[in-house]
Amino acid sequence: MPLRREGFSRRRAFGYGQMSGAVEPVAGIVGAAAVMMMQPILPYALSFAAGAMIFVVVEELIPESQQAGNTDLATVATLAGFTLMMSLDVALG
């Protein structure tokens, strides 16, 4: 639709749309092969990613939540949320 709006013919816009999607199956196969080859280190890589996300939350969101004067509520809610998340992770595998 964006190409059509820019003045391309229906056939040409459809062709460009098909060409832009043609790389997806190839990239999917390459990505699946990469995951299969890296499977032994995958848990460590995902753990690192989870640690990075927790760092971002601690570094950015917690100080921002404590600026309004709700320091105790923000801290307790963060701890409760983290505890719930870990409990669900252990319980559901």
PDB file of N, CA and C in Angstrom:
ATOM      1  N   MET A   1       0.799  -1.184   0.000  1.00  0.00           N
ATOM      2  CA  MET A   1       0.000   0.000   0.000  1.00  0.00           C
ATOM      3  C   MET A   1       0.856   1.269   0.000  1.00  0.00           C
ATOM      4  N   PRO A   2       1.953   1.313   0.778  1.00  0.00           N
ATOM      5  CA  PRO A   2       2.772   2.533   0.721  1.00  0.00           C
ATOM      6  C   PRO A   2       3.361   2.770  -0.667  1.00  0.00           C
ATOM      7  N   LEU A   3       3.775   1.699  -1.337  1.00  0.00           N
ATOM      8  CA  LEU A   3       4.321   1.878  -2.688  1.00  0.00           C
ATOM      9  C   LEU A   3       3.230   2.332  -3.652  1.00  0.00           C
ATOM     10  N   ARG A   4       2.070   1.795  -3.476  1.00  0.00           N
ATOM     11  CA  ARG A   4       0.929   2.184  -4.316  1.00  0.00           C
ATOM     12  C   ARG A   4       0.600   3.662  -4.115  1.00  0.00           C
ATOM     13  N   ARG A   5       0.672   4.098  -2.863  1.00  0.00           N
ATOM     14  CA  ARG A   5       0.391   5.499  -2.539  1.00  0.00           C
ATOM     15  C   ARG A   5       1.454   6.424  -3.139  1.00  0.00           C
ATOM     16  N   GLU A   6       2.674   5.884  -3.310  1.00  0.00           N
ATOM     17  CA  GLU A   6       3.755   6.679  -3.887  1.00  0.00           C
ATOM     18  C   GLU A   6       3.724   6.710  -5.410  1.00  0.00           C
ATOM     19  N   GLY A   7       2.749   6.032  -6.012  1.00  0.00           N
ATOM     20  CA  GLY A   7       2.597   6.124  -7.456  1.00  0.00           C
ATOM     21  C   GLY A   7       3.041   4.897  -8.232  1.00  0.00           C
ATOM     22  N   PHE A   8       3.458   3.843  -7.573  1.00  0.00           N
ATOM     23  CA  PHE A   8       3.836   2.616  -8.272  1.00  0.00           C
ATOM     24  C   PHE A   8       2.585   1.931  -8.801  1.00  0.00           C
ATOM     25  N   SER A   9       2.747   1.198  -9.897  1.00  0.00           N
ATOM     26  CA  SER A   9       1.618   0.435 -10.428  1.00  0.00           C
ATOM     27  C   SER A   9       1.328  -0.730  -9.482  1.00  0.00           C
ATOM     28  N   ARG A  10       0.136  -1.314  -9.618  1.00  0.00           N
ATOM     29  CA  ARG A  10      -0.226  -2.442  -8.746  1.00  0.00           C
ATOM     30  C   ARG A  10       0.754  -3.598  -8.910  1.00  0.00           C
ATOM     31  N   ARG A  11       1.081  -3.903 -10.140  1.00  0.00           N
ATOM     32  CA  ARG A  11       1.980  -5.029 -10.424  1.00  0.00           C
ATOM     33  C   ARG A  11       3.371  -4.779  -9.845  1.00  0.00           C
ATOM     34  N   ARG A  12       3.886  -3.572 -10.032  1.00  0.00           N
ATOM     35  CA  ARG A  12       5.231  -3.252  -9.535  1.00  0.00           C
ATOM     36  C   ARG A  12       5.252  -3.224  -8.005  1.00  0.00           C
ATOM     37  N   ALA A  13       4.243  -2.658  -7.366  1.00  0.00           N
ATOM     38  CA  ALA A  13       4.170  -2.633  -5.912  1.00  0.00           C
ATOM     39  C   ALA A  13       4.070  -4.048  -5.347  1.00  0.00           C
ATOM     40  N   PHE A  14       3.272  -4.892  -5.983  1.00  0.00           N
ATOM     41  CA  PHE A  14       3.150  -6.283  -5.553  1.00  0.00           C
ATOM     42  C   PHE A  14       4.486  -7.006  -5.706  1.00  0.00           C
ATOM     43  N   GLY A  15       5.177  -6.783  -6.814  1.00  0.00           N
ATOM     44  CA  GLY A  15       6.476  -7.426  -7.050  1.00  0.00           C
ATOM     45  C   GLY A  15       7.504  -7.034  -6.012  1.00  0.00           C
ATOM     46  N   TYR A  16       7.583  -5.739  -5.713  1.00  0.00           N
ATOM     47  CA  TYR A  16       8.526  -5.294  -4.683  1.00  0.00           C
ATOM     48  C   TYR A  16       8.161  -5.866  -3.309  1.00  0.00           C
ATOM     49  N   GLY A  17       6.889  -5.965  -3.027  1.00  0.00           N
ATOM     50  CA  GLY A  17       6.458  -6.556  -1.761  1.00  0.00           C
ATOM     51  C   GLY A  17       6.863  -8.021  -1.656  1.00  0.00           C
ATOM     52  N   GLN A  18       6.723  -8.751  -2.747  1.00  0.00           N
ATOM     53  CA  GLN A  18       7.119 -10.154  -2.757  1.00  0.00           C
ATOM     54  C   GLN A  18       8.626 -10.306  -2.636  1.00  0.00           C
ATOM     55  N   MET A  19       9.377  -9.438  -3.294  1.00  0.00           N
ATOM     56  CA  MET A  19      10.840  -9.518  -3.210  1.00  0.00           C
ATOM     57  C   MET A  19      11.330  -9.197  -1.799  1.00  0.00           C
ATOM     58  N   SER A  20      10.683  -8.265  -1.127  1.00  0.00           N
ATOM     59  CA  SER A  20      11.128  -7.927   0.224  1.00  0.00           C
ATOM     60  C   SER A  20      10.864  -9.064   1.201  1.00  0.00           C
ATOM     61  N   GLY A  21       9.866  -9.902   0.938  1.00  0.00           N
ATOM     62  CA  GLY A  21       9.578 -11.030   1.806  1.00  0.00           C
ATOM     63  C   GLY A  21      10.309 -12.308   1.418  1.00  0.00           C
ATOM     64  N   ALA A  22      10.973 -12.320   0.269  1.00  0.00           N
ATOM     65  CA  ALA A  22      11.638 -13.539  -0.203  1.00  0.00           C
ATOM     66  C   ALA A  22      12.824 -13.930   0.666  1.00  0.00           C
ATOM     67  N   VAL A  23      13.420 -12.991   1.372  1.00  0.00           N
ATOM     68  CA  VAL A  23      14.593 -13.286   2.195  1.00  0.00           C
ATOM     69  C   VAL A  23      14.202 -13.941   3.520  1.00  0.00           C
ATOM     70  N   GLU A  24      12.964 -13.837   3.939  1.00  0.00           N
ATOM     71  CA  GLU A  24      12.557 -14.343   5.238  1.00  0.00           C
ATOM     72  C   GLU A  24      12.730 -15.852   5.404  1.00  0.00           C
ATOM     73  N   PRO A  25      12.325 -16.706   4.470  1.00  0.00           N
ATOM     74  CA  PRO A  25      12.570 -18.148   4.670  1.00  0.00           C
ATOM     75  C   PRO A  25      14.056 -18.492   4.765  1.00  0.00           C
ATOM     76  N   VAL A  26      14.867 -17.840   3.950  1.00  0.00           N
ATOM     77  CA  VAL A  26      16.310 -18.087   3.986  1.00  0.00           C
ATOM     78  C   VAL A  26      16.882 -17.670   5.334  1.00  0.00           C
ATOM     79  N   ALA A  27      16.522 -16.487   5.804  1.00  0.00           N
ATOM     80  CA  ALA A  27      17.008 -16.012   7.095  1.00  0.00           C
ATOM     81  C   ALA A  27      16.478 -16.875   8.239  1.00  0.00           C
ATOM     82  N   GLY A  28      15.269 -17.392   8.112  1.00  0.00           N
ATOM     83  CA  GLY A  28      14.724 -18.289   9.136  1.00  0.00           C
ATOM     84  C   GLY A  28      15.520 -19.569   9.241  1.00  0.00           C
ATOM     85  N   ILE A  29      15.904 -20.129   8.108  1.00  0.00           N
ATOM     86  CA  ILE A  29      16.709 -21.359   8.106  1.00  0.00           C
ATOM     87  C   ILE A  29      18.097 -21.092   8.689  1.00  0.00           C
ATOM     88  N   VAL A  30      18.699 -19.972   8.316  1.00  0.00           N
ATOM     89  CA  VAL A  30      20.014 -19.613   8.860  1.00  0.00           C
ATOM     90  C   VAL A  30      19.913 -19.404  10.375  1.00  0.00           C
ATOM     91  N   GLY A  31      18.851 -18.725  10.823  1.00  0.00           N
ATOM     92  CA  GLY A  31      18.666 -18.505  12.257  1.00  0.00           C
ATOM     93  C   GLY A  31      18.448 -19.802  13.016  1.00  0.00           C
ATOM     94  N   ALA A  32      17.669 -20.705  12.471  1.00  0.00           N
ATOM     95  CA  ALA A  32      17.437 -22.000  13.123  1.00  0.00           C
ATOM     96  C   ALA A  32      18.725 -22.807  13.190  1.00  0.00           C
ATOM     97  N   ALA A  33      19.523 -22.768  12.127  1.00  0.00           N
ATOM     98  CA  ALA A  33      20.810 -23.472  12.139  1.00  0.00           C
ATOM     99  C   ALA A  33      21.751 -22.874  13.181  1.00  0.00           C
ATOM    100  N   ALA A  34      21.747 -21.547  13.301  1.00  0.00           N
ATOM    101  CA  ALA A  34      22.604 -20.898  14.303  1.00  0.00           C
ATOM    102  C   ALA A  34      22.189 -21.291  15.716  1.00  0.00           C
ATOM    103  N   VAL A  35      20.896 -21.371  15.963  1.00  0.00           N
ATOM    104  CA  VAL A  35      20.418 -21.780  17.289  1.00  0.00           C
ATOM    105  C   VAL A  35      20.820 -23.217  17.571  1.00  0.00           C
ATOM    106  N   MET A  36      20.709 -24.090  16.588  1.00  0.00           N
ATOM    107  CA  MET A  36      21.084 -25.487  16.785  1.00  0.00           C
ATOM    108  C   MET A  36      22.588 -25.630  17.080  1.00  0.00           C
ATOM    109  N   MET A  37      23.405 -24.840  16.404  1.00  0.00           N
ATOM    110  CA  MET A  37      24.852 -24.909  16.639  1.00  0.00           C
ATOM    111  C   MET A  37      25.227 -24.320  17.991  1.00  0.00           C
ATOM    112  N   MET A  38      24.513 -23.303  18.439  1.00  0.00           N
ATOM    113  CA  MET A  38      24.828 -22.627  19.694  1.00  0.00           C
ATOM    114  C   MET A  38      24.035 -23.171  20.880  1.00  0.00           C
ATOM    115  N   GLN A  39      23.368 -24.279  20.695  1.00  0.00           N
ATOM    116  CA  GLN A  39      22.506 -24.820  21.745  1.00  0.00           C
ATOM    117  C   GLN A  39      23.232 -25.058  23.071  1.00  0.00           C
ATOM    118  N   PRO A  40      24.480 -25.502  23.090  1.00  0.00           N
ATOM    119  CA  PRO A  40      25.138 -25.703  24.380  1.00  0.00           C
ATOM    120  C   PRO A  40      25.321 -24.415  25.196  1.00  0.00           C
ATOM    121  N   ILE A  41      25.503 -23.271  24.518  1.00  0.00           N
ATOM    122  CA  ILE A  41      25.703 -22.030  25.271  1.00  0.00           C
ATOM    123  C   ILE A  41      24.414 -21.202  25.389  1.00  0.00           C
ATOM    124  N   LEU A  42      23.326 -21.697  24.835  1.00  0.00           N
ATOM    125  CA  LEU A  42      22.070 -20.955  24.847  1.00  0.00           C
ATOM    126  C   LEU A  42      21.587 -20.609  26.252  1.00  0.00           C
ATOM    127  N   PRO A  43      21.633 -21.523  27.233  1.00  0.00           N
ATOM    128  CA  PRO A  43      21.190 -21.138  28.579  1.00  0.00           C
ATOM    129  C   PRO A  43      22.008 -19.988  29.168  1.00  0.00           C
ATOM    130  N   TYR A  44      23.313 -19.980  28.911  1.00  0.00           N
ATOM    131  CA  TYR A  44      24.159 -18.911  29.431  1.00  0.00           C
ATOM    132  C   TYR A  44      23.856 -17.585  28.731  1.00  0.00           C
ATOM    133  N   ALA A  45      23.630 -17.644  27.437  1.00  0.00           N
ATOM    134  CA  ALA A  45      23.302 -16.431  26.689  1.00  0.00           C
ATOM    135  C   ALA A  45      21.960 -15.857  27.133  1.00  0.00           C
ATOM    136  N   LEU A  46      20.972 -16.732  27.353  1.00  0.00           N
ATOM    137  CA  LEU A  46      19.667 -16.257  27.810  1.00  0.00           C
ATOM    138  C   LEU A  46      19.744 -15.723  29.239  1.00  0.00           C
ATOM    139  N   SER A  47      20.583 -16.339  30.073  1.00  0.00           N
ATOM    140  CA  SER A  47      20.782 -15.834  31.430  1.00  0.00           C
ATOM    141  C   SER A  47      21.415 -14.450  31.398  1.00  0.00           C
ATOM    142  N   PHE A  48      22.375 -14.271  30.502  1.00  0.00           N
ATOM    143  CA  PHE A  48      23.000 -12.954  30.354  1.00  0.00           C
ATOM    144  C   PHE A  48      21.972 -11.915  29.907  1.00  0.00           C
ATOM    145  N   ALA A  49      21.106 -12.293  28.982  1.00  0.00           N
ATOM    146  CA  ALA A  49      20.066 -11.378  28.513  1.00  0.00           C
ATOM    147  C   ALA A  49      19.104 -11.024  29.647  1.00  0.00           C
ATOM    148  N   ALA A  50      18.735 -12.018  30.463  1.00  0.00           N
ATOM    149  CA  ALA A  50      17.846 -11.752  31.590  1.00  0.00           C
ATOM    150  C   ALA A  50      18.520 -10.828  32.592  1.00  0.00           C
ATOM    151  N   GLY A  51      19.800 -11.048  32.845  1.00  0.00           N
ATOM    152  CA  GLY A  51      20.536 -10.161  33.750  1.00  0.00           C
ATOM    153  C   GLY A  51      20.608  -8.742  33.221  1.00  0.00           C
ATOM    154  N   ALA A  52      20.769  -8.605  31.925  1.00  0.00           N
ATOM    155  CA  ALA A  52      20.800  -7.267  31.324  1.00  0.00           C
ATOM    156  C   ALA A  52      19.455  -6.566  31.481  1.00  0.00           C
ATOM    157  N   MET A  53      18.376  -7.311  31.330  1.00  0.00           N
ATOM    158  CA  MET A  53      17.039  -6.721  31.506  1.00  0.00           C
ATOM    159  C   MET A  53      16.822  -6.293  32.959  1.00  0.00           C
ATOM    160  N   ILE A  54      17.245  -7.116  33.908  1.00  0.00           N
ATOM    161  CA  ILE A  54      17.107  -6.749  35.319  1.00  0.00           C
ATOM    162  C   ILE A  54      17.954  -5.515  35.620  1.00  0.00           C
ATOM    163  N   PHE A  55      19.153  -5.436  35.038  1.00  0.00           N
ATOM    164  CA  PHE A  55      19.991  -4.260  35.233  1.00  0.00           C
ATOM    165  C   PHE A  55      19.301  -2.995  34.730  1.00  0.00           C
ATOM    166  N   VAL A  56      18.683  -3.080  33.557  1.00  0.00           N
ATOM    167  CA  VAL A  56      17.976  -1.917  33.006  1.00  0.00           C
ATOM    168  C   VAL A  56      16.847  -1.489  33.936  1.00  0.00           C
ATOM    169  N   VAL A  57      16.111  -2.461  34.453  1.00  0.00           N
ATOM    170  CA  VAL A  57      15.009  -2.131  35.364  1.00  0.00           C
ATOM    171  C   VAL A  57      15.542  -1.459  36.617  1.00  0.00           C
ATOM    172  N   VAL A  58      16.595  -2.022  37.198  1.00  0.00           N
ATOM    173  CA  VAL A  58      17.153  -1.456  38.428  1.00  0.00           C
ATOM    174  C   VAL A  58      17.750  -0.076  38.158  1.00  0.00           C
ATOM    175  N   GLU A  59      18.439   0.060  37.060  1.00  0.00           N
ATOM    176  CA  GLU A  59      19.136   1.314  36.758  1.00  0.00           C
ATOM    177  C   GLU A  59      18.182   2.441  36.365  1.00  0.00           C
ATOM    178  N   GLU A  60      17.128   2.128  35.613  1.00  0.00           N
ATOM    179  CA  GLU A  60      16.272   3.167  35.063  1.00  0.00           C
ATOM    180  C   GLU A  60      14.933   3.319  35.779  1.00  0.00           C
ATOM    181  N   LEU A  61      14.244   2.222  36.031  1.00  0.00           N
ATOM    182  CA  LEU A  61      12.872   2.323  36.515  1.00  0.00           C
ATOM    183  C   LEU A  61      12.762   2.505  38.021  1.00  0.00           C
ATOM    184  N   ILE A  62      13.604   1.823  38.786  1.00  0.00           N
ATOM    185  CA  ILE A  62      13.482   1.928  40.238  1.00  0.00           C
ATOM    186  C   ILE A  62      13.781   3.347  40.726  1.00  0.00           C
ATOM    187  N   PRO A  63      14.870   3.989  40.300  1.00  0.00           N
ATOM    188  CA  PRO A  63      15.073   5.374  40.753  1.00  0.00           C
ATOM    189  C   PRO A  63      13.933   6.310  40.342  1.00  0.00           C
ATOM    190  N   GLU A  64      13.380   6.083  39.158  1.00  0.00           N
ATOM    191  CA  GLU A  64      12.274   6.917  38.693  1.00  0.00           C
ATOM    192  C   GLU A  64      11.022   6.698  39.542  1.00  0.00           C
ATOM    193  N   SER A  65      10.795   5.465  39.984  1.00  0.00           N
ATOM    194  CA  SER A  65       9.618   5.188  40.799  1.00  0.00           C
ATOM    195  C   SER A  65       9.757   5.739  42.206  1.00  0.00           C
ATOM    196  N   GLN A  66      10.967   5.997  42.650  1.00  0.00           N
ATOM    197  CA  GLN A  66      11.191   6.480  44.006  1.00  0.00           C
ATOM    198  C   GLN A  66      11.190   8.005  44.091  1.00  0.00           C
ATOM    199  N   GLN A  67      11.082   8.697  42.987  1.00  0.00           N
ATOM    200  CA  GLN A  67      11.109  10.158  42.985  1.00  0.00           C
ATOM    201  C   GLN A  67       9.822  10.762  43.519  1.00  0.00           C
ATOM    202  N   ALA A  68       8.701  10.066  43.409  1.00  0.00           N
ATOM    203  CA  ALA A  68       7.411  10.627  43.819  1.00  0.00           C
ATOM    204  C   ALA A  68       7.165  10.490  45.317  1.00  0.00           C
ATOM    205  N   GLY A  69       8.116   9.939  46.055  1.00  0.00           N
ATOM    206  CA  GLY A  69       7.949   9.797  47.485  1.00  0.00           C
ATOM    207  C   GLY A  69       7.340   8.481  47.919  1.00  0.00           C
ATOM    208  N   ASN A  70       7.112   7.579  46.989  1.00  0.00           N
ATOM    209  CA  ASN A  70       6.546   6.267  47.299  1.00  0.00           C
ATOM    210  C   ASN A  70       7.659   5.225  47.379  1.00  0.00           C
ATOM    211  N   THR A  71       8.698   5.512  48.120  1.00  0.00           N
ATOM    212  CA  THR A  71       9.859   4.623  48.111  1.00  0.00           C
ATOM    213  C   THR A  71       9.542   3.245  48.669  1.00  0.00           C
ATOM    214  N   ASP A  72       8.832   3.180  49.791  1.00  0.00           N
ATOM    215  CA  ASP A  72       8.527   1.874  50.388  1.00  0.00           C
ATOM    216  C   ASP A  72       7.597   1.062  49.496  1.00  0.00           C
ATOM    217  N   LEU A  73       6.560   1.694  48.980  1.00  0.00           N
ATOM    218  CA  LEU A  73       5.606   1.002  48.116  1.00  0.00           C
ATOM    219  C   LEU A  73       6.282   0.504  46.838  1.00  0.00           C
ATOM    220  N   ALA A  74       7.124   1.325  46.238  1.00  0.00           N
ATOM    221  CA  ALA A  74       7.818   0.932  45.014  1.00  0.00           C
ATOM    222  C   ALA A  74       8.762  -0.236  45.270  1.00  0.00           C
ATOM    223  N   THR A  75       9.459  -0.192  46.378  1.00  0.00           N
ATOM    224  CA  THR A  75      10.400  -1.264  46.701  1.00  0.00           C
ATOM    225  C   THR A  75       9.665  -2.571  46.975  1.00  0.00           C
ATOM    226  N   VAL A  76       8.597  -2.522  47.778  1.00  0.00           N
ATOM    227  CA  VAL A  76       7.836  -3.729  48.102  1.00  0.00           C
ATOM    228  C   VAL A  76       7.184  -4.301  46.837  1.00  0.00           C
ATOM    229  N   ALA A  77       6.639  -3.450  45.992  1.00  0.00           N
ATOM    230  CA  ALA A  77       6.007  -3.926  44.768  1.00  0.00           C
ATOM    231  C   ALA A  77       7.039  -4.569  43.837  1.00  0.00           C
ATOM    232  N   THR A  78       8.229  -4.002  43.761  1.00  0.00           N
ATOM    233  CA  THR A  78       9.287  -4.586  42.937  1.00  0.00           C
ATOM    234  C   THR A  78       9.689  -5.951  43.466  1.00  0.00           C
ATOM    235  N   LEU A  79       9.892  -6.051  44.769  1.00  0.00           N
ATOM    236  CA  LEU A  79      10.258  -7.333  45.369  1.00  0.00           C
ATOM    237  C   LEU A  79       9.154  -8.369  45.203  1.00  0.00           C
ATOM    238  N   ALA A  80       7.904  -7.970  45.375  1.00  0.00           N
ATOM    239  CA  ALA A  80       6.784  -8.892  45.210  1.00  0.00           C
ATOM    240  C   ALA A  80       6.685  -9.366  43.763  1.00  0.00           C
ATOM    241  N   GLY A  81       6.857  -8.465  42.817  1.00  0.00           N
ATOM    242  CA  GLY A  81       6.817  -8.840  41.413  1.00  0.00           C
ATOM    243  C   GLY A  81       7.940  -9.784  41.033  1.00  0.00           C
ATOM    244  N   PHE A  82       9.136  -9.518  41.532  1.00  0.00           N
ATOM    245  CA  PHE A  82      10.271 -10.393  41.245  1.00  0.00           C
ATOM    246  C   PHE A  82      10.053 -11.771  41.875  1.00  0.00           C
ATOM    247  N   THR A  83       9.552 -11.802  43.105  1.00  0.00           N
ATOM    248  CA  THR A  83       9.283 -13.080  43.775  1.00  0.00           C
ATOM    249  C   THR A  83       8.222 -13.876  43.023  1.00  0.00           C
ATOM    250  N   LEU A  84       7.167 -13.216  42.594  1.00  0.00           N
ATOM    251  CA  LEU A  84       6.124 -13.882  41.816  1.00  0.00           C
ATOM    252  C   LEU A  84       6.689 -14.427  40.499  1.00  0.00           C
ATOM    253  N   MET A  85       7.487 -13.632  39.842  1.00  0.00           N
ATOM    254  CA  MET A  85       8.068 -14.058  38.573  1.00  0.00           C
ATOM    255  C   MET A  85       8.955 -15.288  38.760  1.00  0.00           C
ATOM    256  N   MET A  86       9.785 -15.280  39.779  1.00  0.00           N
ATOM    257  CA  MET A  86      10.671 -16.424  40.016  1.00  0.00           C
ATOM    258  C   MET A  86       9.889 -17.656  40.444  1.00  0.00           C
ATOM    259  N   SER A  87       8.831 -17.463  41.235  1.00  0.00           N
ATOM    260  CA  SER A  87       7.998 -18.591  41.667  1.00  0.00           C
ATOM    261  C   SER A  87       7.314 -19.242  40.467  1.00  0.00           C
ATOM    262  N   LEU A  88       6.778 -18.417  39.580  1.00  0.00           N
ATOM    263  CA  LEU A  88       6.136 -18.957  38.381  1.00  0.00           C
ATOM    264  C   LEU A  88       7.148 -19.650  37.476  1.00  0.00           C
ATOM    265  N   ASP A  89       8.345 -19.102  37.409  1.00  0.00           N
ATOM    266  CA  ASP A  89       9.380 -19.716  36.579  1.00  0.00           C
ATOM    267  C   ASP A  89       9.743 -21.103  37.101  1.00  0.00           C
ATOM    268  N   VAL A  90       9.894 -21.223  38.403  1.00  0.00           N
ATOM    269  CA  VAL A  90      10.241 -22.518  38.982  1.00  0.00           C
ATOM    270  C   VAL A  90       9.060 -23.481  38.894  1.00  0.00           C
ATOM    271  N   ALA A  91       7.851 -22.997  39.163  1.00  0.00           N
ATOM    272  CA  ALA A  91       6.677 -23.869  39.181  1.00  0.00           C
ATOM    273  C   ALA A  91       6.317 -24.358  37.773  1.00  0.00           C
ATOM    274  N   LEU A  92       6.441 -23.500  36.785  1.00  0.00           N
ATOM    275  CA  LEU A  92       6.022 -23.859  35.423  1.00  0.00           C
ATOM    276  C   LEU A  92       7.167 -24.385  34.564  1.00  0.00           C
ATOM    277  N   GLY A  93       8.357 -24.318  35.095  1.00  0.00           N
ATOM    278  CA  GLY A  93       9.501 -24.893  34.372  1.00  0.00           C
ATOM    279  C   GLY A  93       9.989 -23.985  33.340  1.00  0.00           C
TER     280      GLY A  93
END
